[in-house]
Each structure stands twice: as C-alpha cells, then as structure tokens.
mmCIF file of all heavy atoms, coordinates in Angstrom:
data_MODEL
# 
_entry.id   MODEL 
# 
loop_
_atom_site.group_PDB 
_atom_site.id 
_atom_site.type_symbol 
_atom_site.label_atom_id 
_atom_site.label_alt_id 
_atom_site.label_comp_id 
_atom_site.label_asym_id 
_atom_site.label_entity_id 
_atom_site.label_seq_id 
_atom_site.pdbx_PDB_ins_code 
_atom_site.Cartn_x 
_atom_site.Cartn_y 
_atom_site.Cartn_z 
_atom_site.occupancy 
_atom_site.B_iso_or_equiv 
_atom_site.pdbx_formal_charge 
_atom_site.auth_seq_id 
_atom_site.auth_comp_id 
_atom_site.auth_asym_id 
_atom_site.auth_atom_id 
_atom_site.pdbx_PDB_model_num 
ATOM 1   N N   . VAL A 1 1  ? 105.866 69.924 96.464  1.00 0.00 ? 1  VAL A N   1 
ATOM 2   C CA  . VAL A 1 1  ? 105.108 69.485 95.305  1.00 0.00 ? 1  VAL A CA  1 
ATOM 3   C C   . VAL A 1 1  ? 105.932 68.433 94.529  1.00 0.00 ? 1  VAL A C   1 
ATOM 4   O O   . VAL A 1 1  ? 105.420 67.415 94.170  1.00 0.00 ? 1  VAL A O   1 
ATOM 5   C CB  . VAL A 1 1  ? 104.717 70.699 94.396  1.00 0.00 ? 1  VAL A CB  1 
ATOM 6   C CG1 . VAL A 1 1  ? 104.078 70.161 93.102  1.00 0.00 ? 1  VAL A CG1 1 
ATOM 7   C CG2 . VAL A 1 1  ? 103.728 71.565 95.148  1.00 0.00 ? 1  VAL A CG2 1 
ATOM 8   N N   . GLY A 1 2  ? 107.204 68.694 94.348  1.00 0.00 ? 2  GLY A N   1 
ATOM 9   C CA  . GLY A 1 2  ? 108.070 67.792 93.654  1.00 0.00 ? 2  GLY A CA  1 
ATOM 10  C C   . GLY A 1 2  ? 108.176 66.460 94.305  1.00 0.00 ? 2  GLY A C   1 
ATOM 11  O O   . GLY A 1 2  ? 108.156 65.387 93.680  1.00 0.00 ? 2  GLY A O   1 
ATOM 12  N N   . VAL A 1 3  ? 108.251 66.462 95.596  1.00 0.00 ? 3  VAL A N   1 
ATOM 13  C CA  . VAL A 1 3  ? 108.349 65.151 96.440  1.00 0.00 ? 3  VAL A CA  1 
ATOM 14  C C   . VAL A 1 3  ? 107.028 64.457 96.261  1.00 0.00 ? 3  VAL A C   1 
ATOM 15  O O   . VAL A 1 3  ? 107.040 63.246 96.066  1.00 0.00 ? 3  VAL A O   1 
ATOM 16  C CB  . VAL A 1 3  ? 108.637 65.508 97.884  1.00 0.00 ? 3  VAL A CB  1 
ATOM 17  C CG1 . VAL A 1 3  ? 108.381 64.281 98.754  1.00 0.00 ? 3  VAL A CG1 1 
ATOM 18  C CG2 . VAL A 1 3  ? 110.101 65.976 98.067  1.00 0.00 ? 3  VAL A CG2 1 
ATOM 19  N N   . ALA A 1 4  ? 105.933 65.165 96.392  1.00 0.00 ? 4  ALA A N   1 
ATOM 20  C CA  . ALA A 1 4  ? 104.579 64.532 96.263  1.00 0.00 ? 4  ALA A CA  1 
ATOM 21  C C   . ALA A 1 4  ? 104.459 63.877 94.893  1.00 0.00 ? 4  ALA A C   1 
ATOM 22  O O   . ALA A 1 4  ? 103.997 62.692 94.777  1.00 0.00 ? 4  ALA A O   1 
ATOM 23  C CB  . ALA A 1 4  ? 103.491 65.499 96.525  1.00 0.00 ? 4  ALA A CB  1 
ATOM 24  N N   . ILE A 1 5  ? 104.872 64.523 93.830  1.00 0.00 ? 5  ILE A N   1 
ATOM 25  C CA  . ILE A 1 5  ? 104.771 63.956 92.490  1.00 0.00 ? 5  ILE A CA  1 
ATOM 26  C C   . ILE A 1 5  ? 105.644 62.749 92.355  1.00 0.00 ? 5  ILE A C   1 
ATOM 27  O O   . ILE A 1 5  ? 105.255 61.711 91.843  1.00 0.00 ? 5  ILE A O   1 
ATOM 28  C CB  . ILE A 1 5  ? 105.183 65.037 91.458  1.00 0.00 ? 5  ILE A CB  1 
ATOM 29  C CG1 . ILE A 1 5  ? 104.061 66.168 91.360  1.00 0.00 ? 5  ILE A CG1 1 
ATOM 30  C CG2 . ILE A 1 5  ? 105.367 64.425 90.098  1.00 0.00 ? 5  ILE A CG2 1 
ATOM 31  C CD1 . ILE A 1 5  ? 104.428 67.358 90.561  1.00 0.00 ? 5  ILE A CD1 1 
ATOM 32  N N   . GLN A 1 6  ? 106.889 62.801 92.873  1.00 0.00 ? 6  GLN A N   1 
ATOM 33  C CA  . GLN A 1 6  ? 107.822 61.711 92.732  1.00 0.00 ? 6  GLN A CA  1 
ATOM 34  C C   . GLN A 1 6  ? 107.306 60.548 93.578  1.00 0.00 ? 6  GLN A C   1 
ATOM 35  O O   . GLN A 1 6  ? 107.470 59.384 93.135  1.00 0.00 ? 6  GLN A O   1 
ATOM 36  C CB  . GLN A 1 6  ? 109.264 62.141 93.216  1.00 0.00 ? 6  GLN A CB  1 
ATOM 37  C CG  . GLN A 1 6  ? 109.961 63.033 92.199  1.00 0.00 ? 6  GLN A CG  1 
ATOM 38  C CD  . GLN A 1 6  ? 110.178 62.271 90.879  1.00 0.00 ? 6  GLN A CD  1 
ATOM 39  O OE1 . GLN A 1 6  ? 110.547 61.113 90.834  1.00 0.00 ? 6  GLN A OE1 1 
ATOM 40  N NE2 . GLN A 1 6  ? 109.987 62.998 89.788  1.00 0.00 ? 6  GLN A NE2 1 
ATOM 41  N N   . MET A 1 7  ? 106.769 60.728 94.728  1.00 0.00 ? 7  MET A N   1 
ATOM 42  C CA  . MET A 1 7  ? 106.237 59.678 95.555  1.00 0.00 ? 7  MET A CA  1 
ATOM 43  C C   . MET A 1 7  ? 105.063 59.015 94.865  1.00 0.00 ? 7  MET A C   1 
ATOM 44  O O   . MET A 1 7  ? 105.020 57.755 94.830  1.00 0.00 ? 7  MET A O   1 
ATOM 45  C CB  . MET A 1 7  ? 105.807 60.158 96.990  1.00 0.00 ? 7  MET A CB  1 
ATOM 46  C CG  . MET A 1 7  ? 106.944 60.645 97.797  1.00 0.00 ? 7  MET A CG  1 
ATOM 47  S SD  . MET A 1 7  ? 108.121 59.390 98.175  1.00 0.00 ? 7  MET A SD  1 
ATOM 48  C CE  . MET A 1 7  ? 107.230 58.424 99.416  1.00 0.00 ? 7  MET A CE  1 
ATOM 49  N N   . ALA A 1 8  ? 104.198 59.776 94.302  1.00 0.00 ? 8  ALA A N   1 
ATOM 50  C CA  . ALA A 1 8  ? 103.089 59.223 93.535  1.00 0.00 ? 8  ALA A CA  1 
ATOM 51  C C   . ALA A 1 8  ? 103.542 58.426 92.364  1.00 0.00 ? 8  ALA A C   1 
ATOM 52  O O   . ALA A 1 8  ? 103.061 57.371 92.093  1.00 0.00 ? 8  ALA A O   1 
ATOM 53  C CB  . ALA A 1 8  ? 102.086 60.395 93.121  1.00 0.00 ? 8  ALA A CB  1 
ATOM 54  N N   . LYS A 1 9  ? 104.515 58.981 91.601  1.00 0.00 ? 9  LYS A N   1 
ATOM 55  C CA  . LYS A 1 9  ? 105.064 58.326 90.471  1.00 0.00 ? 9  LYS A CA  1 
ATOM 56  C C   . LYS A 1 9  ? 105.679 57.001 90.896  1.00 0.00 ? 9  LYS A C   1 
ATOM 57  O O   . LYS A 1 9  ? 105.493 55.975 90.205  1.00 0.00 ? 9  LYS A O   1 
ATOM 58  C CB  . LYS A 1 9  ? 106.140 59.216 89.843  1.00 0.00 ? 9  LYS A CB  1 
ATOM 59  C CG  . LYS A 1 9  ? 106.857 58.605 88.640  1.00 0.00 ? 9  LYS A CG  1 
ATOM 60  C CD  . LYS A 1 9  ? 107.939 59.575 88.137  1.00 0.00 ? 9  LYS A CD  1 
ATOM 61  C CE  . LYS A 1 9  ? 108.843 58.906 87.131  1.00 0.00 ? 9  LYS A CE  1 
ATOM 62  N NZ  . LYS A 1 9  ? 109.873 59.765 86.727  1.00 0.00 ? 9  LYS A NZ  1 
ATOM 63  N N   . GLY A 1 10 ? 106.369 56.955 92.050  1.00 0.00 ? 10 GLY A N   1 
ATOM 64  C CA  . GLY A 1 10 ? 106.993 55.675 92.568  1.00 0.00 ? 10 GLY A CA  1 
ATOM 65  C C   . GLY A 1 10 ? 105.888 54.657 92.889  1.00 0.00 ? 10 GLY A C   1 
ATOM 66  O O   . GLY A 1 10 ? 106.115 53.504 92.629  1.00 0.00 ? 10 GLY A O   1 
ATOM 67  N N   . LEU A 1 11 ? 104.788 55.138 93.487  1.00 0.00 ? 11 LEU A N   1 
ATOM 68  C CA  . LEU A 1 11 ? 103.739 54.208 93.845  1.00 0.00 ? 11 LEU A CA  1 
ATOM 69  C C   . LEU A 1 11 ? 103.088 53.656 92.609  1.00 0.00 ? 11 LEU A C   1 
ATOM 70  O O   . LEU A 1 11 ? 102.720 52.459 92.573  1.00 0.00 ? 11 LEU A O   1 
ATOM 71  C CB  . LEU A 1 11 ? 102.725 54.878 94.762  1.00 0.00 ? 11 LEU A CB  1 
ATOM 72  C CG  . LEU A 1 11 ? 103.177 55.255 96.147  1.00 0.00 ? 11 LEU A CG  1 
ATOM 73  C CD1 . LEU A 1 11 ? 102.152 56.119 96.899  1.00 0.00 ? 11 LEU A CD1 1 
ATOM 74  C CD2 . LEU A 1 11 ? 103.406 53.955 96.948  1.00 0.00 ? 11 LEU A CD2 1 
ATOM 75  N N   . ILE A 1 12 ? 102.845 54.479 91.662  1.00 0.00 ? 12 ILE A N   1 
ATOM 76  C CA  . ILE A 1 12 ? 102.099 54.051 90.469  1.00 0.00 ? 12 ILE A CA  1 
ATOM 77  C C   . ILE A 1 12 ? 102.946 53.164 89.534  1.00 0.00 ? 12 ILE A C   1 
ATOM 78  O O   . ILE A 1 12 ? 102.452 52.169 89.039  1.00 0.00 ? 12 ILE A O   1 
ATOM 79  C CB  . ILE A 1 12 ? 101.644 55.293 89.648  1.00 0.00 ? 12 ILE A CB  1 
ATOM 80  C CG1 . ILE A 1 12 ? 100.539 56.043 90.439  1.00 0.00 ? 12 ILE A CG1 1 
ATOM 81  C CG2 . ILE A 1 12 ? 101.099 54.904 88.271  1.00 0.00 ? 12 ILE A CG2 1 
ATOM 82  C CD1 . ILE A 1 12 ? 100.208 57.418 89.879  1.00 0.00 ? 12 ILE A CD1 1 
ATOM 83  N N   . THR A 1 13 ? 104.224 53.519 89.401  1.00 0.00 ? 13 THR A N   1 
ATOM 84  C CA  . THR A 1 13 ? 105.052 52.789 88.417  1.00 0.00 ? 13 THR A CA  1 
ATOM 85  C C   . THR A 1 13 ? 105.958 51.755 89.106  1.00 0.00 ? 13 THR A C   1 
ATOM 86  O O   . THR A 1 13 ? 106.709 51.069 88.402  1.00 0.00 ? 13 THR A O   1 
ATOM 87  C CB  . THR A 1 13 ? 105.999 53.715 87.659  1.00 0.00 ? 13 THR A CB  1 
ATOM 88  O OG1 . THR A 1 13 ? 106.850 54.345 88.609  1.00 0.00 ? 13 THR A OG1 1 
ATOM 89  C CG2 . THR A 1 13 ? 105.199 54.801 86.957  1.00 0.00 ? 13 THR A CG2 1 
ATOM 90  N N   . ASP A 1 14 ? 106.002 51.613 90.412  1.00 0.00 ? 14 ASP A N   1 
ATOM 91  C CA  . ASP A 1 14 ? 106.873 50.700 91.204  1.00 0.00 ? 14 ASP A CA  1 
ATOM 92  C C   . ASP A 1 14 ? 108.350 51.089 90.935  1.00 0.00 ? 14 ASP A C   1 
ATOM 93  O O   . ASP A 1 14 ? 109.204 50.213 91.052  1.00 0.00 ? 14 ASP A O   1 
ATOM 94  C CB  . ASP A 1 14 ? 106.610 49.234 90.795  1.00 0.00 ? 14 ASP A CB  1 
ATOM 95  C CG  . ASP A 1 14 ? 105.330 48.713 91.490  1.00 0.00 ? 14 ASP A CG  1 
ATOM 96  O OD1 . ASP A 1 14 ? 104.971 49.276 92.537  1.00 0.00 ? 14 ASP A OD1 1 
ATOM 97  O OD2 . ASP A 1 14 ? 104.792 47.791 90.924  1.00 0.00 ? 14 ASP A OD2 1 
ATOM 98  N N   . SER A 1 15 ? 108.605 52.313 90.551  1.00 0.00 ? 15 SER A N   1 
ATOM 99  C CA  . SER A 1 15 ? 110.033 52.734 90.327  1.00 0.00 ? 15 SER A CA  1 
ATOM 100 C C   . SER A 1 15 ? 110.407 53.593 91.526  1.00 0.00 ? 15 SER A C   1 
ATOM 101 O O   . SER A 1 15 ? 109.586 54.112 92.258  1.00 0.00 ? 15 SER A O   1 
ATOM 102 C CB  . SER A 1 15 ? 110.187 53.510 89.059  1.00 0.00 ? 15 SER A CB  1 
ATOM 103 O OG  . SER A 1 15 ? 109.399 54.716 89.091  1.00 0.00 ? 15 SER A OG  1 
ATOM 104 N N   . GLU A 1 16 ? 111.693 53.652 91.747  1.00 0.00 ? 16 GLU A N   1 
ATOM 105 C CA  . GLU A 1 16 ? 112.227 54.542 92.833  1.00 0.00 ? 16 GLU A CA  1 
ATOM 106 C C   . GLU A 1 16 ? 112.057 56.021 92.539  1.00 0.00 ? 16 GLU A C   1 
ATOM 107 O O   . GLU A 1 16 ? 112.456 56.475 91.509  1.00 0.00 ? 16 GLU A O   1 
ATOM 108 C CB  . GLU A 1 16 ? 113.738 54.192 93.047  1.00 0.00 ? 16 GLU A CB  1 
ATOM 109 C CG  . GLU A 1 16 ? 114.302 54.846 94.316  1.00 0.00 ? 16 GLU A CG  1 
ATOM 110 C CD  . GLU A 1 16 ? 115.716 54.426 94.579  1.00 0.00 ? 16 GLU A CD  1 
ATOM 111 O OE1 . GLU A 1 16 ? 116.078 53.260 94.358  1.00 0.00 ? 16 GLU A OE1 1 
ATOM 112 O OE2 . GLU A 1 16 ? 116.453 55.264 95.038  1.00 0.00 ? 16 GLU A OE2 1 
ATOM 113 N N   . PRO A 1 17 ? 111.432 56.669 93.471  1.00 0.00 ? 17 PRO A N   1 
ATOM 114 C CA  . PRO A 1 17 ? 111.231 58.170 93.232  1.00 0.00 ? 17 PRO A CA  1 
ATOM 115 C C   . PRO A 1 17 ? 112.538 58.915 93.287  1.00 0.00 ? 17 PRO A C   1 
ATOM 116 O O   . PRO A 1 17 ? 113.487 58.557 94.005  1.00 0.00 ? 17 PRO A O   1 
ATOM 117 C CB  . PRO A 1 17 ? 110.263 58.586 94.310  1.00 0.00 ? 17 PRO A CB  1 
ATOM 118 C CG  . PRO A 1 17 ? 110.434 57.551 95.414  1.00 0.00 ? 17 PRO A CG  1 
ATOM 119 C CD  . PRO A 1 17 ? 110.827 56.318 94.714  1.00 0.00 ? 17 PRO A CD  1 
ATOM 120 N N   . ASP A 1 18 ? 112.653 60.026 92.452  1.00 0.00 ? 18 ASP A N   1 
ATOM 121 C CA  . ASP A 1 18 ? 113.796 60.853 92.417  1.00 0.00 ? 18 ASP A CA  1 
ATOM 122 C C   . ASP A 1 18 ? 113.447 62.008 93.513  1.00 0.00 ? 18 ASP A C   1 
ATOM 123 O O   . ASP A 1 18 ? 112.727 62.919 93.216  1.00 0.00 ? 18 ASP A O   1 
ATOM 124 C CB  . ASP A 1 18 ? 114.046 61.448 91.154  1.00 0.00 ? 18 ASP A CB  1 
ATOM 125 C CG  . ASP A 1 18 ? 115.176 62.475 91.067  1.00 0.00 ? 18 ASP A CG  1 
ATOM 126 O OD1 . ASP A 1 18 ? 115.914 62.646 92.089  1.00 0.00 ? 18 ASP A OD1 1 
ATOM 127 O OD2 . ASP A 1 18 ? 115.410 63.048 90.015  1.00 0.00 ? 18 ASP A OD2 1 
ATOM 128 N N   . LEU A 1 19 ? 114.041 61.916 94.708  1.00 0.00 ? 19 LEU A N   1 
ATOM 129 C CA  . LEU A 1 19 ? 113.742 62.852 95.736  1.00 0.00 ? 19 LEU A CA  1 
ATOM 130 C C   . LEU A 1 19 ? 114.828 63.893 95.930  1.00 0.00 ? 19 LEU A C   1 
ATOM 131 O O   . LEU A 1 19 ? 114.936 64.529 96.994  1.00 0.00 ? 19 LEU A O   1 
ATOM 132 C CB  . LEU A 1 19 ? 113.500 62.137 97.080  1.00 0.00 ? 19 LEU A CB  1 
ATOM 133 C CG  . LEU A 1 19 ? 112.319 61.153 97.033  1.00 0.00 ? 19 LEU A CG  1 
ATOM 134 C CD1 . LEU A 1 19 ? 112.186 60.420 98.364  1.00 0.00 ? 19 LEU A CD1 1 
ATOM 135 C CD2 . LEU A 1 19 ? 111.064 61.845 96.690  1.00 0.00 ? 19 LEU A CD2 1 
ATOM 136 N N   . GLY A 1 20 ? 115.627 64.170 94.909  1.00 0.00 ? 20 GLY A N   1 
ATOM 137 C CA  . GLY A 1 20 ? 116.653 65.211 94.948  1.00 0.00 ? 20 GLY A CA  1 
ATOM 138 C C   . GLY A 1 20 ? 118.021 64.702 95.003  1.00 0.00 ? 20 GLY A C   1 
ATOM 139 O O   . GLY A 1 20 ? 118.271 63.462 95.013  1.00 0.00 ? 20 GLY A O   1 
ATOM 140 N N   . ASP A 1 21 ? 119.001 65.620 94.967  1.00 0.00 ? 21 ASP A N   1 
ATOM 141 C CA  . ASP A 1 21 ? 120.393 65.291 94.977  1.00 0.00 ? 21 ASP A CA  1 
ATOM 142 C C   . ASP A 1 21 ? 120.952 65.109 96.364  1.00 0.00 ? 21 ASP A C   1 
ATOM 143 O O   . ASP A 1 21 ? 120.555 65.765 97.318  1.00 0.00 ? 21 ASP A O   1 
ATOM 144 C CB  . ASP A 1 21 ? 121.175 66.373 94.288  1.00 0.00 ? 21 ASP A CB  1 
ATOM 145 C CG  . ASP A 1 21 ? 120.840 66.494 92.812  1.00 0.00 ? 21 ASP A CG  1 
ATOM 146 O OD1 . ASP A 1 21 ? 120.532 65.466 92.222  1.00 0.00 ? 21 ASP A OD1 1 
ATOM 147 O OD2 . ASP A 1 21 ? 120.925 67.585 92.267  1.00 0.00 ? 21 ASP A OD2 1 
ATOM 148 N N   . ASN A 1 22 ? 121.876 64.212 96.478  1.00 0.00 ? 22 ASN A N   1 
ATOM 149 C CA  . ASN A 1 22 ? 122.564 63.923 97.774  1.00 0.00 ? 22 ASN A CA  1 
ATOM 150 C C   . ASN A 1 22 ? 124.026 63.868 97.508  1.00 0.00 ? 22 ASN A C   1 
ATOM 151 O O   . ASN A 1 22 ? 124.435 63.133 96.551  1.00 0.00 ? 22 ASN A O   1 
ATOM 152 C CB  . ASN A 1 22 ? 121.995 62.615 98.410  1.00 0.00 ? 22 ASN A CB  1 
ATOM 153 C CG  . ASN A 1 22 ? 122.764 62.256 99.683  1.00 0.00 ? 22 ASN A CG  1 
ATOM 154 O OD1 . ASN A 1 22 ? 123.768 61.644 99.626  1.00 0.00 ? 22 ASN A OD1 1 
ATOM 155 N ND2 . ASN A 1 22 ? 122.235 62.694 100.738 1.00 0.00 ? 22 ASN A ND2 1 
ATOM 156 N N   . ASP A 1 23 ? 124.863 64.474 98.334  1.00 0.00 ? 23 ASP A N   1 
ATOM 157 C CA  . ASP A 1 23 ? 126.317 64.437 98.110  1.00 0.00 ? 23 ASP A CA  1 
ATOM 158 C C   . ASP A 1 23 ? 126.960 64.865 99.350  1.00 0.00 ? 23 ASP A C   1 
ATOM 159 O O   . ASP A 1 23 ? 126.370 65.398 100.303 1.00 0.00 ? 23 ASP A O   1 
ATOM 160 C CB  . ASP A 1 23 ? 126.699 65.397 96.932  1.00 0.00 ? 23 ASP A CB  1 
ATOM 161 C CG  . ASP A 1 23 ? 127.994 64.927 96.282  1.00 0.00 ? 23 ASP A CG  1 
ATOM 162 O OD1 . ASP A 1 23 ? 128.721 64.038 96.768  1.00 0.00 ? 23 ASP A OD1 1 
ATOM 163 O OD2 . ASP A 1 23 ? 128.294 65.438 95.222  1.00 0.00 ? 23 ASP A OD2 1 
ATOM 164 N N   . THR A 1 24 ? 128.303 64.736 99.422  1.00 0.00 ? 24 THR A N   1 
ATOM 165 C CA  . THR A 1 24 ? 129.088 65.205 100.579 1.00 0.00 ? 24 THR A CA  1 
ATOM 166 C C   . THR A 1 24 ? 130.036 66.212 100.053 1.00 0.00 ? 24 THR A C   1 
ATOM 167 O O   . THR A 1 24 ? 130.723 66.040 98.990  1.00 0.00 ? 24 THR A O   1 
ATOM 168 C CB  . THR A 1 24 ? 129.858 64.037 101.219 1.00 0.00 ? 24 THR A CB  1 
ATOM 169 O OG1 . THR A 1 24 ? 128.915 63.088 101.656 1.00 0.00 ? 24 THR A OG1 1 
ATOM 170 C CG2 . THR A 1 24 ? 130.693 64.472 102.359 1.00 0.00 ? 24 THR A CG2 1 
# 
C-alpha cells in the first residue's frame, strides 16, 4: 500500500517517490 501511494504521489507531483530505506 505504501509503495502504491508513493508511486501515485510521484506520478501526480513529478517528485521522486519515497520507496523505503536503503543502506549497507
């Protein structure tokens, strides 16, 4: 659900979606 919301937000606002944390 969070990914779907962020993807939709990115499409609507032309901003990069926040798809979670990434680290090593």
